[in-house]
Amino acid sequence: MQEDCGPMEDCAVVMPREGCCARCKGCWYNGTEHASHTEWGEEGRLLRCEAGVITISRPECYAPCDNPKHQRHTHYNCPNV
């Protein structure tokens, strides 16, 4: 059975091969592994993994109208204004 290695075009740090495929370096956070180029929300913060580096930000929530139809991120909840 042939292993599907997946795309490597945007991989900044390539880890040694495990089996047939090399892989992009991911991140470990609170005991959980996250793939490179992924983001997730936790306690009102936005976390992003890029080549083994985690960045943490606190997004600002803006409500330009009473019933906004578009939200840029879905990883956190903005309070209703």
PDB file of N, CA and C in Angstrom:
ATOM      1  N   MET A   1       0.852  -1.184   0.000  1.00  0.00           N
ATOM      2  CA  MET A   1       0.000   0.000   0.000  1.00  0.00           C
ATOM      3  C   MET A   1       0.893   1.242   0.000  1.00  0.00           C
ATOM      4  N   GLN A   2       0.633   2.176  -0.905  1.00  0.00           N
ATOM      5  CA  GLN A   2       1.433   3.387  -1.023  1.00  0.00           C
ATOM      6  C   GLN A   2       0.901   4.467  -0.088  1.00  0.00           C
ATOM      7  N   GLU A   3       1.825   5.129   0.623  1.00  0.00           N
ATOM      8  CA  GLU A   3       1.466   6.180   1.564  1.00  0.00           C
ATOM      9  C   GLU A   3       1.223   7.494   0.819  1.00  0.00           C
ATOM     10  N   ASP A   4       0.160   8.227   1.185  1.00  0.00           N
ATOM     11  CA  ASP A   4      -0.127   9.538   0.600  1.00  0.00           C
ATOM     12  C   ASP A   4       0.600  10.587   1.434  1.00  0.00           C
ATOM     13  N   CYS A   5       1.596  11.241   0.843  1.00  0.00           N
ATOM     14  CA  CYS A   5       2.447  12.167   1.598  1.00  0.00           C
ATOM     15  C   CYS A   5       1.854  13.552   1.761  1.00  0.00           C
ATOM     16  N   GLY A   6       0.981  13.972   0.884  1.00  0.00           N
ATOM     17  CA  GLY A   6       0.384  15.297   0.990  1.00  0.00           C
ATOM     18  C   GLY A   6       1.298  16.376   0.440  1.00  0.00           C
ATOM     19  N   PRO A   7       0.777  17.607   0.287  1.00  0.00           N
ATOM     20  CA  PRO A   7       1.554  18.702  -0.312  1.00  0.00           C
ATOM     21  C   PRO A   7       2.634  19.213   0.642  1.00  0.00           C
ATOM     22  N   MET A   8       3.748  19.684   0.080  1.00  0.00           N
ATOM     23  CA  MET A   8       4.849  20.222   0.878  1.00  0.00           C
ATOM     24  C   MET A   8       5.270  21.614   0.391  1.00  0.00           C
ATOM     25  N   GLU A   9       4.519  22.235  -0.532  1.00  0.00           N
ATOM     26  CA  GLU A   9       4.922  23.500  -1.142  1.00  0.00           C
ATOM     27  C   GLU A   9       5.169  24.608  -0.118  1.00  0.00           C
ATOM     28  N   ASP A  10       4.306  24.758   0.874  1.00  0.00           N
ATOM     29  CA  ASP A  10       4.409  25.851   1.839  1.00  0.00           C
ATOM     30  C   ASP A  10       5.126  25.446   3.121  1.00  0.00           C
ATOM     31  N   CYS A  11       5.857  24.362   3.084  1.00  0.00           N
ATOM     32  CA  CYS A  11       6.516  23.851   4.277  1.00  0.00           C
ATOM     33  C   CYS A  11       7.848  24.570   4.486  1.00  0.00           C
ATOM     34  N   ALA A  12       7.958  25.341   5.576  1.00  0.00           N
ATOM     35  CA  ALA A  12       9.186  26.091   5.862  1.00  0.00           C
ATOM     36  C   ALA A  12      10.236  25.224   6.548  1.00  0.00           C
ATOM     37  N   VAL A  13       9.815  24.265   7.374  1.00  0.00           N
ATOM     38  CA  VAL A  13      10.738  23.386   8.091  1.00  0.00           C
ATOM     39  C   VAL A  13      10.299  21.949   7.856  1.00  0.00           C
ATOM     40  N   VAL A  14      11.147  21.177   7.187  1.00  0.00           N
ATOM     41  CA  VAL A  14      10.833  19.776   6.892  1.00  0.00           C
ATOM     42  C   VAL A  14      11.471  18.898   7.957  1.00  0.00           C
ATOM     43  N   MET A  15      10.671  18.045   8.558  1.00  0.00           N
ATOM     44  CA  MET A  15      11.145  17.112   9.581  1.00  0.00           C
ATOM     45  C   MET A  15      11.680  15.855   8.906  1.00  0.00           C
ATOM     46  N   PRO A  16      12.559  15.111   9.604  1.00  0.00           N
ATOM     47  CA  PRO A  16      13.062  13.855   9.039  1.00  0.00           C
ATOM     48  C   PRO A  16      11.920  12.897   8.719  1.00  0.00           C
ATOM     49  N   ARG A  17      12.185  12.033   7.789  1.00  0.00           N
ATOM     50  CA  ARG A  17      11.164  11.078   7.350  1.00  0.00           C
ATOM     51  C   ARG A  17      10.798  10.097   8.457  1.00  0.00           C
ATOM     52  N   GLU A  18       9.513   9.825   8.553  1.00  0.00           N
ATOM     53  CA  GLU A  18       8.986   8.743   9.382  1.00  0.00           C
ATOM     54  C   GLU A  18       8.211   7.865   8.426  1.00  0.00           C
ATOM     55  N   GLY A  19       8.785   6.766   8.025  1.00  0.00           N
ATOM     56  CA  GLY A  19       8.184   5.947   6.986  1.00  0.00           C
ATOM     57  C   GLY A  19       8.644   6.480   5.644  1.00  0.00           C
ATOM     58  N   CYS A  20       7.753   6.559   4.690  1.00  0.00           N
ATOM     59  CA  CYS A  20       8.115   6.984   3.335  1.00  0.00           C
ATOM     60  C   CYS A  20       8.107   8.497   3.154  1.00  0.00           C
ATOM     61  N   CYS A  21       7.391   9.230   3.988  1.00  0.00           N
ATOM     62  CA  CYS A  21       7.170  10.656   3.745  1.00  0.00           C
ATOM     63  C   CYS A  21       7.882  11.547   4.757  1.00  0.00           C
ATOM     64  N   ALA A  22       8.391  12.673   4.258  1.00  0.00           N
ATOM     65  CA  ALA A  22       8.832  13.749   5.141  1.00  0.00           C
ATOM     66  C   ALA A  22       7.575  14.507   5.555  1.00  0.00           C
ATOM     67  N   ARG A  23       7.669  15.339   6.592  1.00  0.00           N
ATOM     68  CA  ARG A  23       6.497  16.107   7.008  1.00  0.00           C
ATOM     69  C   ARG A  23       6.922  17.480   7.493  1.00  0.00           C
ATOM     70  N   CYS A  24       5.971  18.420   7.460  1.00  0.00           N
ATOM     71  CA  CYS A  24       6.230  19.770   7.956  1.00  0.00           C
ATOM     72  C   CYS A  24       6.283  19.747   9.479  1.00  0.00           C
ATOM     73  N   LYS A  25       7.139  20.603  10.050  1.00  0.00           N
ATOM     74  CA  LYS A  25       7.226  20.706  11.498  1.00  0.00           C
ATOM     75  C   LYS A  25       5.965  21.373  12.026  1.00  0.00           C
ATOM     76  N   GLY A  26       5.319  20.737  12.975  1.00  0.00           N
ATOM     77  CA  GLY A  26       4.122  21.276  13.604  1.00  0.00           C
ATOM     78  C   GLY A  26       4.449  21.885  14.955  1.00  0.00           C
ATOM     79  N   CYS A  27       3.438  22.050  15.804  1.00  0.00           N
ATOM     80  CA  CYS A  27       3.600  22.664  17.120  1.00  0.00           C
ATOM     81  C   CYS A  27       2.935  21.794  18.180  1.00  0.00           C
ATOM     82  N   TRP A  28       3.482  21.815  19.381  1.00  0.00           N
ATOM     83  CA  TRP A  28       2.857  21.193  20.541  1.00  0.00           C
ATOM     84  C   TRP A  28       2.384  22.303  21.461  1.00  0.00           C
ATOM     85  N   TYR A  29       1.117  22.219  21.899  1.00  0.00           N
ATOM     86  CA  TYR A  29       0.569  23.214  22.811  1.00  0.00           C
ATOM     87  C   TYR A  29      -0.357  22.513  23.788  1.00  0.00           C
ATOM     88  N   ASN A  30      -0.071  22.624  25.067  1.00  0.00           N
ATOM     89  CA  ASN A  30      -0.867  21.977  26.123  1.00  0.00           C
ATOM     90  C   ASN A  30      -1.087  20.494  25.848  1.00  0.00           C
ATOM     91  N   GLY A  31      -0.043  19.807  25.396  1.00  0.00           N
ATOM     92  CA  GLY A  31      -0.118  18.366  25.178  1.00  0.00           C
ATOM     93  C   GLY A  31      -0.793  17.942  23.892  1.00  0.00           C
ATOM     94  N   THR A  32      -1.117  18.885  23.019  1.00  0.00           N
ATOM     95  CA  THR A  32      -1.777  18.569  21.751  1.00  0.00           C
ATOM     96  C   THR A  32      -0.890  19.010  20.596  1.00  0.00           C
ATOM     97  N   GLU A  33      -0.749  18.146  19.594  1.00  0.00           N
ATOM     98  CA  GLU A  33       0.026  18.496  18.413  1.00  0.00           C
ATOM     99  C   GLU A  33      -0.873  19.195  17.397  1.00  0.00           C
ATOM    100  N   HIS A  34      -0.369  20.276  16.818  1.00  0.00           N
ATOM    101  CA  HIS A  34      -1.093  21.037  15.799  1.00  0.00           C
ATOM    102  C   HIS A  34      -0.234  21.097  14.548  1.00  0.00           C
ATOM    103  N   ALA A  35      -0.852  20.888  13.399  1.00  0.00           N
ATOM    104  CA  ALA A  35      -0.131  20.935  12.130  1.00  0.00           C
ATOM    105  C   ALA A  35       0.249  22.372  11.793  1.00  0.00           C
ATOM    106  N   SER A  36       1.336  22.518  11.035  1.00  0.00           N
ATOM    107  CA  SER A  36       1.741  23.839  10.568  1.00  0.00           C
ATOM    108  C   SER A  36       0.634  24.422   9.685  1.00  0.00           C
ATOM    109  N   HIS A  37       0.477  25.723   9.696  1.00  0.00           N
ATOM    110  CA  HIS A  37      -0.538  26.457   8.925  1.00  0.00           C
ATOM    111  C   HIS A  37      -1.945  26.255   9.484  1.00  0.00           C
ATOM    112  N   THR A  38      -2.068  25.919  10.781  1.00  0.00           N
ATOM    113  CA  THR A  38      -3.403  25.779  11.369  1.00  0.00           C
ATOM    114  C   THR A  38      -3.586  26.830  12.454  1.00  0.00           C
ATOM    115  N   GLU A  39      -4.839  27.156  12.742  1.00  0.00           N
ATOM    116  CA  GLU A  39      -5.145  28.065  13.837  1.00  0.00           C
ATOM    117  C   GLU A  39      -6.332  27.533  14.610  1.00  0.00           C
ATOM    118  N   TRP A  40      -6.403  27.914  15.881  1.00  0.00           N
ATOM    119  CA  TRP A  40      -7.469  27.461  16.755  1.00  0.00           C
ATOM    120  C   TRP A  40      -7.684  28.515  17.829  1.00  0.00           C
ATOM    121  N   GLY A  41      -8.841  28.449  18.465  1.00  0.00           N
ATOM    122  CA  GLY A  41      -9.181  29.419  19.493  1.00  0.00           C
ATOM    123  C   GLY A  41      -9.193  28.780  20.862  1.00  0.00           C
ATOM    124  N   GLU A  42      -8.828  29.579  21.869  1.00  0.00           N
ATOM    125  CA  GLU A  42      -8.834  29.100  23.245  1.00  0.00           C
ATOM    126  C   GLU A  42      -8.937  30.297  24.177  1.00  0.00           C
ATOM    127  N   GLU A  43      -9.953  30.304  25.033  1.00  0.00           N
ATOM    128  CA  GLU A  43     -10.135  31.341  26.046  1.00  0.00           C
ATOM    129  C   GLU A  43     -10.062  32.757  25.467  1.00  0.00           C
ATOM    130  N   GLY A  44     -10.736  32.983  24.345  1.00  0.00           N
ATOM    131  CA  GLY A  44     -10.789  34.301  23.732  1.00  0.00           C
ATOM    132  C   GLY A  44      -9.534  34.702  22.985  1.00  0.00           C
ATOM    133  N   ARG A  45      -8.607  33.758  22.799  1.00  0.00           N
ATOM    134  CA  ARG A  45      -7.371  34.054  22.074  1.00  0.00           C
ATOM    135  C   ARG A  45      -7.340  33.251  20.785  1.00  0.00           C
ATOM    136  N   LEU A  46      -6.636  33.770  19.801  1.00  0.00           N
ATOM    137  CA  LEU A  46      -6.435  33.080  18.535  1.00  0.00           C
ATOM    138  C   LEU A  46      -4.991  32.601  18.496  1.00  0.00           C
ATOM    139  N   LEU A  47      -4.788  31.295  18.322  1.00  0.00           N
ATOM    140  CA  LEU A  47      -3.455  30.710  18.270  1.00  0.00           C
ATOM    141  C   LEU A  47      -3.212  30.184  16.872  1.00  0.00           C
ATOM    142  N   ARG A  48      -1.979  30.328  16.389  1.00  0.00           N
ATOM    143  CA  ARG A  48      -1.618  29.878  15.044  1.00  0.00           C
ATOM    144  C   ARG A  48      -0.269  29.188  15.096  1.00  0.00           C
ATOM    145  N   CYS A  49      -0.165  28.051  14.400  1.00  0.00           N
ATOM    146  CA  CYS A  49       1.079  27.294  14.296  1.00  0.00           C
ATOM    147  C   CYS A  49       1.685  27.505  12.920  1.00  0.00           C
ATOM    148  N   GLU A  50       2.945  27.911  12.894  1.00  0.00           N
ATOM    149  CA  GLU A  50       3.695  28.059  11.643  1.00  0.00           C
ATOM    150  C   GLU A  50       5.092  27.490  11.854  1.00  0.00           C
ATOM    151  N   ALA A  51       5.387  26.345  11.266  1.00  0.00           N
ATOM    152  CA  ALA A  51       6.729  25.752  11.277  1.00  0.00           C
ATOM    153  C   ALA A  51       7.312  25.639  12.681  1.00  0.00           C
ATOM    154  N   GLY A  52       6.509  25.179  13.633  1.00  0.00           N
ATOM    155  CA  GLY A  52       6.991  24.968  14.987  1.00  0.00           C
ATOM    156  C   GLY A  52       6.886  26.171  15.901  1.00  0.00           C
ATOM    157  N   VAL A  53       6.399  27.297  15.399  1.00  0.00           N
ATOM    158  CA  VAL A  53       6.270  28.519  16.195  1.00  0.00           C
ATOM    159  C   VAL A  53       4.793  28.836  16.386  1.00  0.00           C
ATOM    160  N   ILE A  54       4.396  29.051  17.646  1.00  0.00           N
ATOM    161  CA  ILE A  54       3.008  29.399  17.953  1.00  0.00           C
ATOM    162  C   ILE A  54       2.922  30.897  18.213  1.00  0.00           C
ATOM    163  N   THR A  55       1.994  31.558  17.529  1.00  0.00           N
ATOM    164  CA  THR A  55       1.706  32.961  17.816  1.00  0.00           C
ATOM    165  C   THR A  55       0.332  33.031  18.471  1.00  0.00           C
ATOM    166  N   ILE A  56       0.217  33.919  19.454  1.00  0.00           N
ATOM    167  CA  ILE A  56      -1.033  34.075  20.196  1.00  0.00           C
ATOM    168  C   ILE A  56      -1.469  35.533  20.090  1.00  0.00           C
ATOM    169  N   SER A  57      -2.725  35.742  19.720  1.00  0.00           N
ATOM    170  CA  SER A  57      -3.253  37.103  19.633  1.00  0.00           C
ATOM    171  C   SER A  57      -4.633  37.155  20.271  1.00  0.00           C
ATOM    172  N   ARG A  58      -5.019  38.346  20.648  1.00  0.00           N
ATOM    173  CA  ARG A  58      -6.366  38.594  21.166  1.00  0.00           C
ATOM    174  C   ARG A  58      -7.092  39.441  20.141  1.00  0.00           C
ATOM    175  N   PRO A  59      -7.940  38.822  19.349  1.00  0.00           N
ATOM    176  CA  PRO A  59      -8.649  39.574  18.302  1.00  0.00           C
ATOM    177  C   PRO A  59      -9.579  40.622  18.898  1.00  0.00           C
ATOM    178  N   GLU A  60      -9.667  41.735  18.221  1.00  0.00           N
ATOM    179  CA  GLU A  60     -10.612  42.785  18.583  1.00  0.00           C
ATOM    180  C   GLU A  60     -11.914  42.522  17.847  1.00  0.00           C
ATOM    181  N   CYS A  61     -13.010  42.709  18.525  1.00  0.00           N
ATOM    182  CA  CYS A  61     -14.318  42.480  17.914  1.00  0.00           C
ATOM    183  C   CYS A  61     -14.972  43.826  17.601  1.00  0.00           C
ATOM    184  N   TYR A  62     -15.352  44.010  16.368  1.00  0.00           N
ATOM    185  CA  TYR A  62     -16.015  45.235  15.930  1.00  0.00           C
ATOM    186  C   TYR A  62     -17.389  44.884  15.383  1.00  0.00           C
ATOM    187  N   ALA A  63     -18.347  45.719  15.662  1.00  0.00           N
ATOM    188  CA  ALA A  63     -19.694  45.529  15.142  1.00  0.00           C
ATOM    189  C   ALA A  63     -20.096  46.802  14.399  1.00  0.00           C
ATOM    190  N   PRO A  64     -19.800  46.883  13.090  1.00  0.00           N
ATOM    191  CA  PRO A  64     -20.084  48.098  12.334  1.00  0.00           C
ATOM    192  C   PRO A  64     -21.568  48.338  12.086  1.00  0.00           C
ATOM    193  N   CYS A  65     -22.398  47.342  12.306  1.00  0.00           N
ATOM    194  CA  CYS A  65     -23.839  47.519  12.133  1.00  0.00           C
ATOM    195  C   CYS A  65     -24.555  46.634  13.140  1.00  0.00           C
ATOM    196  N   ASP A  66     -25.869  46.776  13.230  1.00  0.00           N
ATOM    197  CA  ASP A  66     -26.634  46.021  14.217  1.00  0.00           C
ATOM    198  C   ASP A  66     -26.623  44.519  13.965  1.00  0.00           C
ATOM    199  N   ASN A  67     -26.669  44.108  12.707  1.00  0.00           N
ATOM    200  CA  ASN A  67     -26.701  42.684  12.370  1.00  0.00           C
ATOM    201  C   ASN A  67     -25.631  42.352  11.332  1.00  0.00           C
ATOM    202  N   PRO A  68     -24.368  42.278  11.739  1.00  0.00           N
ATOM    203  CA  PRO A  68     -23.321  41.970  10.751  1.00  0.00           C
ATOM    204  C   PRO A  68     -23.531  40.587  10.145  1.00  0.00           C
ATOM    205  N   LYS A  69     -23.300  40.470   8.839  1.00  0.00           N
ATOM    206  CA  LYS A  69     -23.532  39.213   8.140  1.00  0.00           C
ATOM    207  C   LYS A  69     -22.248  38.424   7.923  1.00  0.00           C
ATOM    208  N   HIS A  70     -21.089  39.017   8.182  1.00  0.00           N
ATOM    209  CA  HIS A  70     -19.822  38.342   7.931  1.00  0.00           C
ATOM    210  C   HIS A  70     -18.937  38.421   9.172  1.00  0.00           C
ATOM    211  N   GLN A  71     -18.399  37.284   9.583  1.00  0.00           N
ATOM    212  CA  GLN A  71     -17.415  37.258  10.649  1.00  0.00           C
ATOM    213  C   GLN A  71     -16.137  36.694  10.069  1.00  0.00           C
ATOM    214  N   ARG A  72     -15.030  37.384  10.300  1.00  0.00           N
ATOM    215  CA  ARG A  72     -13.766  36.943   9.719  1.00  0.00           C
ATOM    216  C   ARG A  72     -13.280  35.639  10.344  1.00  0.00           C
ATOM    217  N   HIS A  73     -13.303  35.526  11.664  1.00  0.00           N
ATOM    218  CA  HIS A  73     -12.839  34.319  12.340  1.00  0.00           C
ATOM    219  C   HIS A  73     -14.005  33.644  13.042  1.00  0.00           C
ATOM    220  N   THR A  74     -13.973  32.344  13.091  1.00  0.00           N
ATOM    221  CA  THR A  74     -15.014  31.602  13.798  1.00  0.00           C
ATOM    222  C   THR A  74     -14.451  30.890  15.016  1.00  0.00           C
ATOM    223  N   HIS A  75     -13.191  31.169  15.392  1.00  0.00           N
ATOM    224  CA  HIS A  75     -12.547  30.457  16.488  1.00  0.00           C
ATOM    225  C   HIS A  75     -12.862  31.062  17.853  1.00  0.00           C
ATOM    226  N   TYR A  76     -13.478  32.210  17.895  1.00  0.00           N
ATOM    227  CA  TYR A  76     -13.788  32.859  19.153  1.00  0.00           C
ATOM    228  C   TYR A  76     -15.126  33.554  19.002  1.00  0.00           C
ATOM    229  N   ASN A  77     -15.724  33.880  20.117  1.00  0.00           N
ATOM    230  CA  ASN A  77     -17.048  34.512  20.093  1.00  0.00           C
ATOM    231  C   ASN A  77     -16.930  35.974  20.473  1.00  0.00           C
ATOM    232  N   CYS A  78     -17.422  36.850  19.628  1.00  0.00           N
ATOM    233  CA  CYS A  78     -17.476  38.269  19.946  1.00  0.00           C
ATOM    234  C   CYS A  78     -18.773  38.544  20.692  1.00  0.00           C
ATOM    235  N   PRO A  79     -18.708  39.375  21.717  1.00  0.00           N
ATOM    236  CA  PRO A  79     -19.958  39.692  22.428  1.00  0.00           C
ATOM    237  C   PRO A  79     -20.885  40.494  21.528  1.00  0.00           C
ATOM    238  N   ASN A  80     -22.170  40.328  21.748  1.00  0.00           N
ATOM    239  CA  ASN A  80     -23.156  41.104  20.987  1.00  0.00           C
ATOM    240  C   ASN A  80     -23.140  42.538  21.478  1.00  0.00           C
ATOM    241  N   VAL A  81     -23.048  43.460  20.542  1.00  0.00           N
ATOM    242  CA  VAL A  81     -23.006  44.884  20.901  1.00  0.00           C
ATOM    243  C   VAL A  81     -24.308  45.527  20.519  1.00  0.00           C
TER     244      VAL A  81
END
